[in-house]
């Protein structure tokens, strides 16, 4: 006989059943919340990783201070002014006496190191995974940050091409061009919504030619020759691997992002001190939308123009950190 003692294994009834259901519901809600938190965290990590990879600039190292860096020779016709350094290696002939407001290094230790850094930077840009096609003609196109690849040559036939940073001053634009880059006369590379010339890179498999009156932005890294025709202005750099850099009455303002050596990005600072000015600058905006400086007054001092003189001493500034090692790529690589 049970003497009134309830069975220990019988079914739950009444309040006990309701309590059990409540416990199970709370456990289910807690498990769902944990799963959602884990999913959100994973999505955030994946997004951050993707954004970090997309925003990595091309490290120029010792080549960063050069407005012009040539391989075989540098030629100039007319009153060309460059606000950064002029370099040449392994060639030894600079003709036409361009106005150089930085330093001139002809086949010396600095220019040799800069050419080595250029080779590394070129191979880095060429090896980046592509985010899409650049097409064959840039005219009228608008590009968001990322890596764009041309199937062969790339042309800017008229008007402008727009690079839209969407409010991100650290946005990086890389164009991979297997053969030639050509711009027609009076065309423009337009930078909007925070895009900066210091974060724009053009990797060219053979030669680049800028048409008369072109307003160009970004660093051209060409395997062979670069030609800037009459009155073309460049907010960036002309860096040639094995060939010549040919200049015709050009103005080349050097584009530098603060802490560019560490890839930290930031608002661009540009030295555009006029020849013979007292030094200093005030900020403004160029035709492409990038921040620049114009002659003014300041406590700073200007580097003397060298007019092609060879500087035999090494640069005082230490080289930037090592760029990524060169990687194999189907577009090939040059050796400087």
C-alpha atoms as a PDB file:
ATOM      1  CA  UNK A   1       0.000   0.000   0.000  1.00  0.00           C
ATOM      2  CA  UNK A   2       1.115   3.554  -0.731  1.00  0.00           C
ATOM      3  CA  UNK A   3      -0.402   4.998   2.486  1.00  0.00           C
ATOM      4  CA  UNK A   4      -1.172   8.258   0.642  1.00  0.00           C
ATOM      5  CA  UNK A   5       2.373   8.881  -0.627  1.00  0.00           C
ATOM      6  CA  UNK A   6       2.250  10.285  -4.194  1.00  0.00           C
ATOM      7  CA  UNK A   7       4.059   8.289  -6.857  1.00  0.00           C
ATOM      8  CA  UNK A   8       7.542   9.502  -7.680  1.00  0.00           C
ATOM      9  CA  UNK A   9       7.464   8.653 -11.382  1.00  0.00           C
ATOM     10  CA  UNK A  10       4.027   9.814 -12.365  1.00  0.00           C
ATOM     11  CA  UNK A  11       3.254  12.548 -14.881  1.00  0.00           C
ATOM     12  CA  UNK A  12       3.635  16.190 -13.903  1.00  0.00           C
ATOM     13  CA  UNK A  13       0.405  18.046 -13.492  1.00  0.00           C
ATOM     14  CA  UNK A  14      -0.782  21.589 -12.901  1.00  0.00           C
ATOM     15  CA  UNK A  15       1.835  24.061 -11.677  1.00  0.00           C
ATOM     16  CA  UNK A  16       4.754  21.673 -12.166  1.00  0.00           C
ATOM     17  CA  UNK A  17       3.992  21.354 -15.892  1.00  0.00           C
ATOM     18  CA  UNK A  18       3.733  25.138 -16.334  1.00  0.00           C
ATOM     19  CA  UNK A  19       7.022  25.666 -14.521  1.00  0.00           C
ATOM     20  CA  UNK A  20       8.729  23.122 -16.737  1.00  0.00           C
ATOM     21  CA  UNK A  21       7.463  24.815 -19.890  1.00  0.00           C
ATOM     22  CA  UNK A  22       8.655  28.202 -18.570  1.00  0.00           C
ATOM     23  CA  UNK A  23      12.144  26.826 -17.907  1.00  0.00           C
ATOM     24  CA  UNK A  24      12.327  25.319 -21.402  1.00  0.00           C
ATOM     25  CA  UNK A  25      11.174  28.583 -22.992  1.00  0.00           C
ATOM     26  CA  UNK A  26      13.784  30.608 -21.115  1.00  0.00           C
ATOM     27  CA  UNK A  27      16.502  28.135 -22.136  1.00  0.00           C
ATOM     28  CA  UNK A  28      15.435  28.380 -25.786  1.00  0.00           C
ATOM     29  CA  UNK A  29      15.461  32.199 -25.705  1.00  0.00           C
ATOM     30  CA  UNK A  30      18.908  32.235 -24.064  1.00  0.00           C
ATOM     31  CA  UNK A  31      20.309  29.834 -26.657  1.00  0.00           C
ATOM     32  CA  UNK A  32      18.847  31.959 -29.485  1.00  0.00           C
ATOM     33  CA  UNK A  33      20.371  35.120 -28.032  1.00  0.00           C
ATOM     34  CA  UNK A  34      23.785  33.498 -27.705  1.00  0.00           C
ATOM     35  CA  UNK A  35      23.601  32.275 -31.303  1.00  0.00           C
ATOM     36  CA  UNK A  36      22.673  35.763 -32.559  1.00  0.00           C
ATOM     37  CA  UNK A  37      25.533  37.371 -30.615  1.00  0.00           C
ATOM     38  CA  UNK A  38      28.011  34.870 -32.058  1.00  0.00           C
ATOM     39  CA  UNK A  39      26.678  35.434 -35.583  1.00  0.00           C
ATOM     40  CA  UNK A  40      26.903  39.218 -35.208  1.00  0.00           C
ATOM     41  CA  UNK A  41      30.456  38.973 -33.879  1.00  0.00           C
ATOM     42  CA  UNK A  42      31.507  36.734 -36.766  1.00  0.00           C
ATOM     43  CA  UNK A  43      29.939  39.103 -39.304  1.00  0.00           C
ATOM     44  CA  UNK A  44      31.722  42.073 -37.722  1.00  0.00           C
ATOM     45  CA  UNK A  45      35.074  40.297 -37.839  1.00  0.00           C
ATOM     46  CA  UNK A  46      34.596  39.280 -41.469  1.00  0.00           C
ATOM     47  CA  UNK A  47      33.551  42.821 -42.442  1.00  0.00           C
ATOM     48  CA  UNK A  48      36.471  44.380 -40.594  1.00  0.00           C
ATOM     49  CA  UNK A  49      38.904  41.948 -42.200  1.00  0.00           C
ATOM     50  CA  UNK A  50      37.500  42.668 -45.662  1.00  0.00           C
ATOM     51  CA  UNK A  51      37.573  46.434 -45.108  1.00  0.00           C
ATOM     52  CA  UNK A  52      41.142  46.305 -43.827  1.00  0.00           C
ATOM     53  CA  UNK A  53      42.311  44.371 -46.880  1.00  0.00           C
ATOM     54  CA  UNK A  54      40.520  46.721 -49.277  1.00  0.00           C
ATOM     55  CA  UNK A  55      41.935  49.862 -47.647  1.00  0.00           C
ATOM     56  CA  UNK A  56      45.593  48.845 -47.569  1.00  0.00           C
ATOM     57  CA  UNK A  57      47.622  51.407 -49.542  1.00  0.00           C
ATOM     58  CA  UNK A  58      50.556  50.490 -51.743  1.00  0.00           C
ATOM     59  CA  UNK A  59      53.746  51.104 -49.757  1.00  0.00           C
ATOM     60  CA  UNK A  60      56.186  53.163 -51.828  1.00  0.00           C
ATOM     61  CA  UNK A  61      59.042  53.143 -49.321  1.00  0.00           C
ATOM     62  CA  UNK A  62      62.069  55.110 -50.530  1.00  0.00           C
ATOM     63  CA  UNK A  63      60.238  56.011 -53.762  1.00  0.00           C
ATOM     64  CA  UNK A  64      57.581  58.051 -51.926  1.00  0.00           C
ATOM     65  CA  UNK A  65      59.493  61.351 -51.948  1.00  0.00           C
ATOM     66  CA  UNK A  66      60.056  61.336 -55.715  1.00  0.00           C
ATOM     67  CA  UNK A  67      57.915  63.331 -58.136  1.00  0.00           C
ATOM     68  CA  UNK A  68      59.799  61.723 -61.020  1.00  0.00           C
ATOM     69  CA  UNK A  69      61.828  58.521 -61.034  1.00  0.00           C
ATOM     70  CA  UNK A  70      63.205  57.261 -64.336  1.00  0.00           C
ATOM     71  CA  UNK A  71      65.077  54.215 -65.578  1.00  0.00           C
ATOM     72  CA  UNK A  72      67.014  55.043 -68.755  1.00  0.00           C
ATOM     73  CA  UNK A  73      66.805  58.854 -68.839  1.00  0.00           C
ATOM     74  CA  UNK A  74      64.740  61.894 -67.878  1.00  0.00           C
ATOM     75  CA  UNK A  75      64.115  64.510 -70.569  1.00  0.00           C
ATOM     76  CA  UNK A  76      62.416  67.880 -70.266  1.00  0.00           C
ATOM     77  CA  UNK A  77      61.267  70.607 -72.635  1.00  0.00           C
ATOM     78  CA  UNK A  78      59.977  73.923 -71.290  1.00  0.00           C
ATOM     79  CA  UNK A  79      59.530  75.264 -67.741  1.00  0.00           C
ATOM     80  CA  UNK A  80      58.633  72.087 -65.855  1.00  0.00           C
ATOM     81  CA  UNK A  81      58.384  72.267 -62.059  1.00  0.00           C
ATOM     82  CA  UNK A  82      58.310  69.330 -59.676  1.00  0.00           C
ATOM     83  CA  UNK A  83      57.822  69.784 -55.956  1.00  0.00           C
ATOM     84  CA  UNK A  84      59.350  66.496 -54.836  1.00  0.00           C
ATOM     85  CA  UNK A  85      62.581  64.740 -55.725  1.00  0.00           C
ATOM     86  CA  UNK A  86      63.975  63.785 -59.123  1.00  0.00           C
ATOM     87  CA  UNK A  87      65.665  60.417 -59.472  1.00  0.00           C
ATOM     88  CA  UNK A  88      67.259  58.304 -62.185  1.00  0.00           C
ATOM     89  CA  UNK A  89      68.741  54.808 -62.101  1.00  0.00           C
ATOM     90  CA  UNK A  90      70.498  53.083 -63.780  1.00  0.00           C
ATOM     91  CA  UNK A  91      70.621  55.873 -66.383  1.00  0.00           C
ATOM     92  CA  UNK A  92      72.762  58.976 -65.899  1.00  0.00           C
ATOM     93  CA  UNK A  93      71.320  61.575 -68.302  1.00  0.00           C
ATOM     94  CA  UNK A  94      68.876  64.277 -67.169  1.00  0.00           C
ATOM     95  CA  UNK A  95      68.338  66.839 -69.933  1.00  0.00           C
ATOM     96  CA  UNK A  96      66.379  70.078 -70.149  1.00  0.00           C
ATOM     97  CA  UNK A  97      66.987  71.305 -66.577  1.00  0.00           C
ATOM     98  CA  UNK A  98      63.545  70.920 -64.983  1.00  0.00           C
ATOM     99  CA  UNK A  99      62.955  72.972 -61.847  1.00  0.00           C
ATOM    100  CA  UNK A 100      63.376  70.533 -58.949  1.00  0.00           C
ATOM    101  CA  UNK A 101      62.306  71.838 -55.544  1.00  0.00           C
ATOM    102  CA  UNK A 102      63.301  68.637 -53.808  1.00  0.00           C
ATOM    103  CA  UNK A 103      66.581  66.788 -54.276  1.00  0.00           C
ATOM    104  CA  UNK A 104      68.132  65.259 -57.372  1.00  0.00           C
ATOM    105  CA  UNK A 105      69.627  61.769 -57.217  1.00  0.00           C
ATOM    106  CA  UNK A 106      71.235  60.394 -60.359  1.00  0.00           C
ATOM    107  CA  UNK A 107      72.457  56.807 -60.212  1.00  0.00           C
ATOM    108  CA  UNK A 108      73.468  57.084 -56.577  1.00  0.00           C
ATOM    109  CA  UNK A 109      72.653  55.047 -53.469  1.00  0.00           C
ATOM    110  CA  UNK A 110      69.354  56.884 -52.883  1.00  0.00           C
ATOM    111  CA  UNK A 111      68.064  56.467 -56.438  1.00  0.00           C
ATOM    112  CA  UNK A 112      69.078  52.804 -56.486  1.00  0.00           C
ATOM    113  CA  UNK A 113      67.178  52.199 -53.230  1.00  0.00           C
ATOM    114  CA  UNK A 114      64.181  54.088 -54.609  1.00  0.00           C
ATOM    115  CA  UNK A 115      64.116  51.938 -57.748  1.00  0.00           C
ATOM    116  CA  UNK A 116      64.217  48.794 -55.619  1.00  0.00           C
ATOM    117  CA  UNK A 117      61.275  50.127 -53.574  1.00  0.00           C
ATOM    118  CA  UNK A 118      59.422  50.936 -56.799  1.00  0.00           C
ATOM    119  CA  UNK A 119      59.825  47.360 -58.022  1.00  0.00           C
ATOM    120  CA  UNK A 120      58.349  46.051 -54.771  1.00  0.00           C
ATOM    121  CA  UNK A 121      55.461  48.535 -54.904  1.00  0.00           C
ATOM    122  CA  UNK A 122      54.719  47.722 -58.557  1.00  0.00           C
ATOM    123  CA  UNK A 123      54.577  43.988 -57.840  1.00  0.00           C
ATOM    124  CA  UNK A 124      52.389  44.615 -54.779  1.00  0.00           C
ATOM    125  CA  UNK A 125      49.858  46.605 -56.816  1.00  0.00           C
ATOM    126  CA  UNK A 126      49.900  44.020 -59.625  1.00  0.00           C
ATOM    127  CA  UNK A 127      49.231  41.149 -57.211  1.00  0.00           C
ATOM    128  CA  UNK A 128      46.175  42.611 -55.477  1.00  0.00           C
ATOM    129  CA  UNK A 129      42.961  40.622 -56.032  1.00  0.00           C
ATOM    130  CA  UNK A 130      40.619  42.486 -58.361  1.00  0.00           C
ATOM    131  CA  UNK A 131      37.228  43.852 -57.307  1.00  0.00           C
ATOM    132  CA  UNK A 132      36.032  44.209 -60.885  1.00  0.00           C
ATOM    133  CA  UNK A 133      36.726  45.480 -64.374  1.00  0.00           C
ATOM    134  CA  UNK A 134      38.023  48.931 -65.260  1.00  0.00           C
ATOM    135  CA  UNK A 135      36.653  48.524 -68.769  1.00  0.00           C
ATOM    136  CA  UNK A 136      38.554  49.864 -71.755  1.00  0.00           C
ATOM    137  CA  UNK A 137      37.604  53.558 -71.585  1.00  0.00           C
ATOM    138  CA  UNK A 138      37.493  55.503 -68.337  1.00  0.00           C
ATOM    139  CA  UNK A 139      35.477  58.403 -69.753  1.00  0.00           C
ATOM    140  CA  UNK A 140      32.350  59.142 -67.732  1.00  0.00           C
ATOM    141  CA  UNK A 141      32.887  56.265 -65.317  1.00  0.00           C
ATOM    142  CA  UNK A 142      32.575  56.571 -61.537  1.00  0.00           C
ATOM    143  CA  UNK A 143      34.653  54.191 -59.421  1.00  0.00           C
ATOM    144  CA  UNK A 144      34.270  53.388 -55.739  1.00  0.00           C
ATOM    145  CA  UNK A 145      37.314  52.315 -53.681  1.00  0.00           C
ATOM    146  CA  UNK A 146      38.943  49.026 -54.602  1.00  0.00           C
ATOM    147  CA  UNK A 147      41.054  47.319 -57.236  1.00  0.00           C
ATOM    148  CA  UNK A 148      39.961  47.571 -60.876  1.00  0.00           C
ATOM    149  CA  UNK A 149      41.567  45.588 -63.689  1.00  0.00           C
ATOM    150  CA  UNK A 150      41.687  46.381 -67.403  1.00  0.00           C
ATOM    151  CA  UNK A 151      41.790  43.520 -69.881  1.00  0.00           C
ATOM    152  CA  UNK A 152      44.533  45.225 -71.892  1.00  0.00           C
ATOM    153  CA  UNK A 153      45.130  48.951 -72.472  1.00  0.00           C
ATOM    154  CA  UNK A 154      43.143  51.652 -70.675  1.00  0.00           C
ATOM    155  CA  UNK A 155      42.058  54.945 -72.261  1.00  0.00           C
ATOM    156  CA  UNK A 156      40.589  58.193 -70.955  1.00  0.00           C
ATOM    157  CA  UNK A 157      39.317  59.496 -74.284  1.00  0.00           C
ATOM    158  CA  UNK A 158      37.444  62.622 -73.173  1.00  0.00           C
ATOM    159  CA  UNK A 159      35.955  64.430 -70.206  1.00  0.00           C
ATOM    160  CA  UNK A 160      36.743  62.902 -66.836  1.00  0.00           C
ATOM    161  CA  UNK A 161      36.795  59.786 -64.713  1.00  0.00           C
ATOM    162  CA  UNK A 162      35.536  60.139 -61.127  1.00  0.00           C
ATOM    163  CA  UNK A 163      36.953  58.419 -58.054  1.00  0.00           C
ATOM    164  CA  UNK A 164      34.420  58.546 -55.202  1.00  0.00           C
ATOM    165  CA  UNK A 165      35.740  57.831 -51.684  1.00  0.00           C
ATOM    166  CA  UNK A 166      32.225  58.021 -50.162  1.00  0.00           C
ATOM    167  CA  UNK A 167      33.480  60.145 -47.286  1.00  0.00           C
ATOM    168  CA  UNK A 168      36.421  57.902 -46.371  1.00  0.00           C
ATOM    169  CA  UNK A 169      39.746  59.802 -46.650  1.00  0.00           C
ATOM    170  CA  UNK A 170      41.633  56.499 -46.391  1.00  0.00           C
ATOM    171  CA  UNK A 171      39.871  54.956 -49.397  1.00  0.00           C
ATOM    172  CA  UNK A 172      42.352  53.338 -51.791  1.00  0.00           C
ATOM    173  CA  UNK A 173      41.974  53.071 -55.572  1.00  0.00           C
ATOM    174  CA  UNK A 174      44.236  50.735 -57.577  1.00  0.00           C
ATOM    175  CA  UNK A 175      44.093  50.317 -61.354  1.00  0.00           C
ATOM    176  CA  UNK A 176      45.848  47.304 -62.865  1.00  0.00           C
ATOM    177  CA  UNK A 177      46.627  47.893 -66.555  1.00  0.00           C
ATOM    178  CA  UNK A 178      48.442  45.092 -68.427  1.00  0.00           C
ATOM    179  CA  UNK A 179      49.683  47.272 -71.310  1.00  0.00           C
ATOM    180  CA  UNK A 180      49.267  51.042 -71.836  1.00  0.00           C
ATOM    181  CA  UNK A 181      47.539  53.936 -70.093  1.00  0.00           C
ATOM    182  CA  UNK A 182      46.629  56.864 -72.367  1.00  0.00           C
ATOM    183  CA  UNK A 183      44.711  60.067 -71.626  1.00  0.00           C
ATOM    184  CA  UNK A 184      43.441  62.410 -74.331  1.00  0.00           C
ATOM    185  CA  UNK A 185      43.942  66.185 -74.236  1.00  0.00           C
ATOM    186  CA  UNK A 186      42.220  68.204 -71.502  1.00  0.00           C
ATOM    187  CA  UNK A 187      40.913  65.200 -69.588  1.00  0.00           C
ATOM    188  CA  UNK A 188      40.653  64.988 -65.806  1.00  0.00           C
ATOM    189  CA  UNK A 189      40.918  62.441 -63.017  1.00  0.00           C
ATOM    190  CA  UNK A 190      38.332  63.853 -60.614  1.00  0.00           C
ATOM    191  CA  UNK A 191      38.504  63.097 -56.877  1.00  0.00           C
ATOM    192  CA  UNK A 192      35.317  63.503 -54.831  1.00  0.00           C
ATOM    193  CA  UNK A 193      33.916  62.846 -51.355  1.00  0.00           C
ATOM    194  CA  UNK A 194      37.297  62.703 -49.632  1.00  0.00           C
ATOM    195  CA  UNK A 195      39.289  60.833 -52.275  1.00  0.00           C
ATOM    196  CA  UNK A 196      42.986  61.707 -52.145  1.00  0.00           C
ATOM    197  CA  UNK A 197      45.690  61.468 -54.777  1.00  0.00           C
ATOM    198  CA  UNK A 198      48.042  59.872 -52.243  1.00  0.00           C
ATOM    199  CA  UNK A 199      45.739  56.830 -52.194  1.00  0.00           C
ATOM    200  CA  UNK A 200      45.416  56.403 -55.972  1.00  0.00           C
ATOM    201  CA  UNK A 201      47.769  54.012 -57.804  1.00  0.00           C
ATOM    202  CA  UNK A 202      48.050  53.199 -61.507  1.00  0.00           C
ATOM    203  CA  UNK A 203      50.069  50.021 -62.217  1.00  0.00           C
ATOM    204  CA  UNK A 204      50.925  50.050 -65.933  1.00  0.00           C
ATOM    205  CA  UNK A 205      52.401  47.005 -67.671  1.00  0.00           C
ATOM    206  CA  UNK A 206      54.230  48.967 -70.366  1.00  0.00           C
ATOM    207  CA  UNK A 207      54.004  52.749 -70.943  1.00  0.00           C
ATOM    208  CA  UNK A 208      51.807  55.671 -69.876  1.00  0.00           C
ATOM    209  CA  UNK A 209      51.072  58.801 -71.931  1.00  0.00           C
ATOM    210  CA  UNK A 210      49.257  61.842 -70.536  1.00  0.00           C
ATOM    211  CA  UNK A 211      47.695  64.093 -73.165  1.00  0.00           C
ATOM    212  CA  UNK A 212      48.115  67.859 -73.504  1.00  0.00           C
ATOM    213  CA  UNK A 213      46.425  69.686 -70.639  1.00  0.00           C
ATOM    214  CA  UNK A 214      45.510  66.515 -68.736  1.00  0.00           C
ATOM    215  CA  UNK A 215      44.836  67.025 -65.027  1.00  0.00           C
ATOM    216  CA  UNK A 216      45.937  63.742 -63.542  1.00  0.00           C
ATOM    217  CA  UNK A 217      45.796  62.409 -59.971  1.00  0.00           C
ATOM    218  CA  UNK A 218      47.653  59.509 -58.419  1.00  0.00           C
ATOM    219  CA  UNK A 219      50.940  57.649 -58.641  1.00  0.00           C
ATOM    220  CA  UNK A 220      51.778  56.113 -62.022  1.00  0.00           C
ATOM    221  CA  UNK A 221      54.061  53.079 -61.736  1.00  0.00           C
ATOM    222  CA  UNK A 222      54.904  52.103 -65.313  1.00  0.00           C
ATOM    223  CA  UNK A 223      57.129  49.192 -66.277  1.00  0.00           C
ATOM    224  CA  UNK A 224      58.632  51.111 -69.205  1.00  0.00           C
ATOM    225  CA  UNK A 225      58.210  54.765 -70.248  1.00  0.00           C
ATOM    226  CA  UNK A 226      56.074  57.690 -69.034  1.00  0.00           C
ATOM    227  CA  UNK A 227      55.378  60.763 -71.187  1.00  0.00           C
ATOM    228  CA  UNK A 228      53.565  63.858 -69.900  1.00  0.00           C
ATOM    229  CA  UNK A 229      52.670  66.089 -72.845  1.00  0.00           C
ATOM    230  CA  UNK A 230      52.487  69.900 -72.872  1.00  0.00           C
ATOM    231  CA  UNK A 231      50.845  71.501 -69.820  1.00  0.00           C
ATOM    232  CA  UNK A 232      49.735  68.212 -68.274  1.00  0.00           C
ATOM    233  CA  UNK A 233      49.591  68.603 -64.490  1.00  0.00           C
ATOM    234  CA  UNK A 234      50.088  65.681 -62.136  1.00  0.00           C
ATOM    235  CA  UNK A 235      49.028  65.568 -58.503  1.00  0.00           C
ATOM    236  CA  UNK A 236      51.049  62.510 -57.617  1.00  0.00           C
ATOM    237  CA  UNK A 237      54.136  60.835 -59.097  1.00  0.00           C
ATOM    238  CA  UNK A 238      55.599  59.601 -62.365  1.00  0.00           C
ATOM    239  CA  UNK A 239      57.665  56.488 -61.587  1.00  0.00           C
ATOM    240  CA  UNK A 240      59.117  54.536 -64.521  1.00  0.00           C
ATOM    241  CA  UNK A 241      60.834  51.173 -64.157  1.00  0.00           C
ATOM    242  CA  UNK A 242      63.172  50.649 -67.095  1.00  0.00           C
ATOM    243  CA  UNK A 243      62.370  53.444 -69.548  1.00  0.00           C
ATOM    244  CA  UNK A 244      62.456  57.217 -69.746  1.00  0.00           C
ATOM    245  CA  UNK A 245      60.290  59.902 -68.202  1.00  0.00           C
ATOM    246  CA  UNK A 246      59.623  62.602 -70.801  1.00  0.00           C
ATOM    247  CA  UNK A 247      58.345  65.983 -69.599  1.00  0.00           C
ATOM    248  CA  UNK A 248      56.928  68.961 -71.532  1.00  0.00           C
ATOM    249  CA  UNK A 249      56.139  72.067 -69.446  1.00  0.00           C
ATOM    250  CA  UNK A 250      54.508  70.138 -66.614  1.00  0.00           C
ATOM    251  CA  UNK A 251      53.737  70.753 -62.962  1.00  0.00           C
ATOM    252  CA  UNK A 252      54.052  67.780 -60.613  1.00  0.00           C
ATOM    253  CA  UNK A 253      52.866  68.246 -57.028  1.00  0.00           C
ATOM    254  CA  UNK A 254      53.828  65.465 -54.658  1.00  0.00           C
ATOM    255  CA  UNK A 255      50.931  63.803 -52.827  1.00  0.00           C
ATOM    256  CA  UNK A 256      51.543  62.470 -49.334  1.00  0.00           C
ATOM    257  CA  UNK A 257      49.090  61.131 -46.780  1.00  0.00           C
ATOM    258  CA  UNK A 258      50.177  61.761 -43.172  1.00  0.00           C
ATOM    259  CA  UNK A 259      51.784  58.651 -41.696  1.00  0.00           C
ATOM    260  CA  UNK A 260      51.738  57.076 -45.152  1.00  0.00           C
ATOM    261  CA  UNK A 261      54.846  55.113 -44.189  1.00  0.00           C
ATOM    262  CA  UNK A 262      52.780  53.201 -41.645  1.00  0.00           C
ATOM    263  CA  UNK A 263      49.652  53.010 -43.763  1.00  0.00           C
ATOM    264  CA  UNK A 264      47.681  55.092 -41.246  1.00  0.00           C
ATOM    265  CA  UNK A 265      46.235  57.372 -43.922  1.00  0.00           C
ATOM    266  CA  UNK A 266      44.673  60.713 -43.041  1.00  0.00           C
ATOM    267  CA  UNK A 267      44.122  64.027 -44.806  1.00  0.00           C
ATOM    268  CA  UNK A 268      46.577  64.691 -47.579  1.00  0.00           C
ATOM    269  CA  UNK A 269      49.300  67.320 -47.256  1.00  0.00           C
ATOM    270  CA  UNK A 270      50.874  68.602 -50.445  1.00  0.00           C
ATOM    271  CA  UNK A 271      53.966  70.736 -50.917  1.00  0.00           C
ATOM    272  CA  UNK A 272      53.289  73.203 -53.734  1.00  0.00           C
ATOM    273  CA  UNK A 273      55.698  75.955 -52.882  1.00  0.00           C
ATOM    274  CA  UNK A 274      56.357  78.191 -55.847  1.00  0.00           C
ATOM    275  CA  UNK A 275      59.904  78.668 -57.123  1.00  0.00           C
ATOM    276  CA  UNK A 276      61.488  81.696 -55.520  1.00  0.00           C
ATOM    277  CA  UNK A 277      58.770  82.117 -52.871  1.00  0.00           C
ATOM    278  CA  UNK A 278      59.498  82.831 -49.245  1.00  0.00           C
ATOM    279  CA  UNK A 279      58.169  79.444 -48.203  1.00  0.00           C
ATOM    280  CA  UNK A 280      55.099  78.225 -46.404  1.00  0.00           C
ATOM    281  CA  UNK A 281      51.644  77.325 -47.581  1.00  0.00           C
ATOM    282  CA  UNK A 282      47.917  77.672 -47.082  1.00  0.00           C
ATOM    283  CA  UNK A 283      45.409  74.939 -47.730  1.00  0.00           C
ATOM    284  CA  UNK A 284      43.059  74.713 -50.684  1.00  0.00           C
ATOM    285  CA  UNK A 285      41.493  72.271 -53.119  1.00  0.00           C
ATOM    286  CA  UNK A 286      42.760  71.348 -56.554  1.00  0.00           C
ATOM    287  CA  UNK A 287      40.721  70.680 -59.664  1.00  0.00           C
ATOM    288  CA  UNK A 288      40.536  67.011 -58.779  1.00  0.00           C
ATOM    289  CA  UNK A 289      39.139  67.656 -55.313  1.00  0.00           C
ATOM    290  CA  UNK A 290      42.334  66.736 -53.422  1.00  0.00           C
ATOM    291  CA  UNK A 291      43.756  68.910 -50.666  1.00  0.00           C
ATOM    292  CA  UNK A 292      46.740  70.969 -51.684  1.00  0.00           C
ATOM    293  CA  UNK A 293      48.771  73.972 -50.565  1.00  0.00           C
ATOM    294  CA  UNK A 294      49.397  77.306 -52.205  1.00  0.00           C
ATOM    295  CA  UNK A 295      52.190  79.842 -51.664  1.00  0.00           C
ATOM    296  CA  UNK A 296      51.890  81.805 -48.468  1.00  0.00           C
ATOM    297  CA  UNK A 297      53.780  82.519 -45.277  1.00  0.00           C
ATOM    298  CA  UNK A 298      54.958  80.063 -42.682  1.00  0.00           C
ATOM    299  CA  UNK A 299      57.830  79.293 -40.380  1.00  0.00           C
ATOM    300  CA  UNK A 300      58.921  76.476 -42.688  1.00  0.00           C
ATOM    301  CA  UNK A 301      61.738  76.778 -45.176  1.00  0.00           C
ATOM    302  CA  UNK A 302      62.029  75.611 -48.764  1.00  0.00           C
ATOM    303  CA  UNK A 303      64.542  73.158 -50.136  1.00  0.00           C
ATOM    304  CA  UNK A 304      66.809  74.814 -52.658  1.00  0.00           C
ATOM    305  CA  UNK A 305      66.276  74.056 -56.324  1.00  0.00           C
ATOM    306  CA  UNK A 306      68.994  71.787 -57.627  1.00  0.00           C
ATOM    307  CA  UNK A 307      68.566  72.218 -61.404  1.00  0.00           C
ATOM    308  CA  UNK A 308      69.875  68.729 -62.088  1.00  0.00           C
ATOM    309  CA  UNK A 309      72.842  68.761 -59.697  1.00  0.00           C
ATOM    310  CA  UNK A 310      73.777  65.325 -58.372  1.00  0.00           C
ATOM    311  CA  UNK A 311      73.460  64.850 -54.631  1.00  0.00           C
ATOM    312  CA  UNK A 312      75.963  62.324 -53.422  1.00  0.00           C
ATOM    313  CA  UNK A 313      74.837  62.112 -49.795  1.00  0.00           C
ATOM    314  CA  UNK A 314      72.119  59.789 -48.587  1.00  0.00           C
ATOM    315  CA  UNK A 315      68.797  61.230 -47.535  1.00  0.00           C
ATOM    316  CA  UNK A 316      68.647  61.998 -43.794  1.00  0.00           C
ATOM    317  CA  UNK A 317      65.226  60.455 -43.339  1.00  0.00           C
ATOM    318  CA  UNK A 318      65.206  56.752 -42.626  1.00  0.00           C
ATOM    319  CA  UNK A 319      63.561  54.468 -45.172  1.00  0.00           C
ATOM    320  CA  UNK A 320      59.954  53.528 -44.553  1.00  0.00           C
ATOM    321  CA  UNK A 321      58.962  50.028 -43.477  1.00  0.00           C
ATOM    322  CA  UNK A 322      59.416  47.194 -45.877  1.00  0.00           C
ATOM    323  CA  UNK A 323      56.671  46.817 -48.431  1.00  0.00           C
ATOM    324  CA  UNK A 324      55.060  43.453 -49.085  1.00  0.00           C
ATOM    325  CA  UNK A 325      57.319  41.012 -50.887  1.00  0.00           C
ATOM    326  CA  UNK A 326      56.765  40.737 -54.608  1.00  0.00           C
ATOM    327  CA  UNK A 327      54.258  38.101 -55.555  1.00  0.00           C
ATOM    328  CA  UNK A 328      53.822  36.332 -58.892  1.00  0.00           C
ATOM    329  CA  UNK A 329      51.048  37.709 -61.058  1.00  0.00           C
ATOM    330  CA  UNK A 330      49.747  37.087 -64.495  1.00  0.00           C
ATOM    331  CA  UNK A 331      50.531  40.641 -65.564  1.00  0.00           C
ATOM    332  CA  UNK A 332      54.209  40.114 -64.855  1.00  0.00           C
ATOM    333  CA  UNK A 333      56.696  42.246 -62.978  1.00  0.00           C
ATOM    334  CA  UNK A 334      59.511  44.518 -63.928  1.00  0.00           C
ATOM    335  CA  UNK A 335      62.891  44.672 -62.286  1.00  0.00           C
ATOM    336  CA  UNK A 336      64.340  48.130 -61.793  1.00  0.00           C
END
